[in-house]
Amino acid sequence: MPIPQIPELLLILMIILIIFGAGKLPEIGNALGKGLSEFRRAQTNEEAEKDDQAKA
């Protein structure tokens, strides 16, 4: 999948701004940040468990 260029990203951001409005953007960003954080934490825990099993 090719990486989007700047004009395409700007268009996507404008559409998101129109759909959700400026007031909802901080809430959406916060929710995305928490989701990514939890995903990374789960990946780290999963890798640690695999390492522990491999050592045993």
Protein backbone atom coordinates (compact mmCIF):
# COMPACT_ATOMS: atom_id res chain seq x y z
CA MET A 1 0.00 0.00 0.00
CA PRO A 2 1.58 3.30 -1.03
CA ILE A 3 2.17 6.06 1.50
CA PRO A 4 -0.28 8.98 1.03
CA GLN A 5 1.19 12.27 -0.08
CA ILE A 6 0.69 15.61 1.69
CA PRO A 7 -2.29 16.85 -0.42
CA GLU A 8 -4.12 13.55 0.14
CA LEU A 9 -3.51 13.73 3.89
CA LEU A 10 -4.76 17.31 4.00
CA LEU A 11 -7.93 16.29 2.16
CA ILE A 12 -8.52 13.44 4.62
CA LEU A 13 -7.97 15.76 7.59
CA MET A 14 -10.39 18.34 6.15
CA ILE A 15 -13.08 15.66 5.71
CA ILE A 16 -12.56 14.46 9.28
CA LEU A 17 -12.80 18.04 10.55
CA ILE A 18 -16.05 18.58 8.65
CA ILE A 19 -17.59 15.31 9.86
CA PHE A 20 -16.62 15.47 13.53
CA GLY A 21 -16.12 19.18 14.10
CA ALA A 22 -13.31 20.92 15.93
CA GLY A 23 -14.76 20.19 19.37
CA LYS A 24 -14.62 16.41 19.00
CA LEU A 25 -11.08 16.20 17.61
CA PRO A 26 -9.31 16.27 21.01
CA GLU A 27 -11.58 13.48 22.28
CA ILE A 28 -10.93 11.39 19.17
CA GLY A 29 -7.18 11.96 19.47
CA ASN A 30 -7.24 11.01 23.14
CA ALA A 31 -9.15 7.81 22.41
CA LEU A 32 -6.76 6.88 19.59
CA GLY A 33 -3.76 7.53 21.83
CA LYS A 34 -5.14 5.34 24.59
CA GLY A 35 -5.95 2.59 22.10
CA LEU A 36 -2.43 2.63 20.64
CA SER A 37 -0.92 2.64 24.11
CA GLU A 38 -2.94 -0.39 25.16
CA PHE A 39 -2.08 -2.18 21.91
CA ARG A 40 1.65 -1.61 22.46
CA ARG A 41 1.37 -2.78 26.07
CA ALA A 42 -0.39 -5.96 24.95
CA GLN A 43 2.25 -6.61 22.28
CA THR A 44 5.05 -6.15 24.82
CA ASN A 45 3.38 -8.52 27.29
CA GLU A 46 2.80 -11.10 24.56
CA GLU A 47 6.43 -10.97 23.44
CA ALA A 48 7.64 -11.28 27.04
CA GLU A 49 5.45 -14.36 27.54
CA LYS A 50 6.85 -15.95 24.36
CA ASP A 51 10.40 -15.28 25.56
CA ASP A 52 9.63 -16.81 28.95
CA GLN A 53 8.17 -19.91 27.31
CA ALA A 54 11.15 -20.25 24.99
CA LYS A 55 13.58 -20.08 27.92
CA ALA A 56 11.68 -22.68 29.93
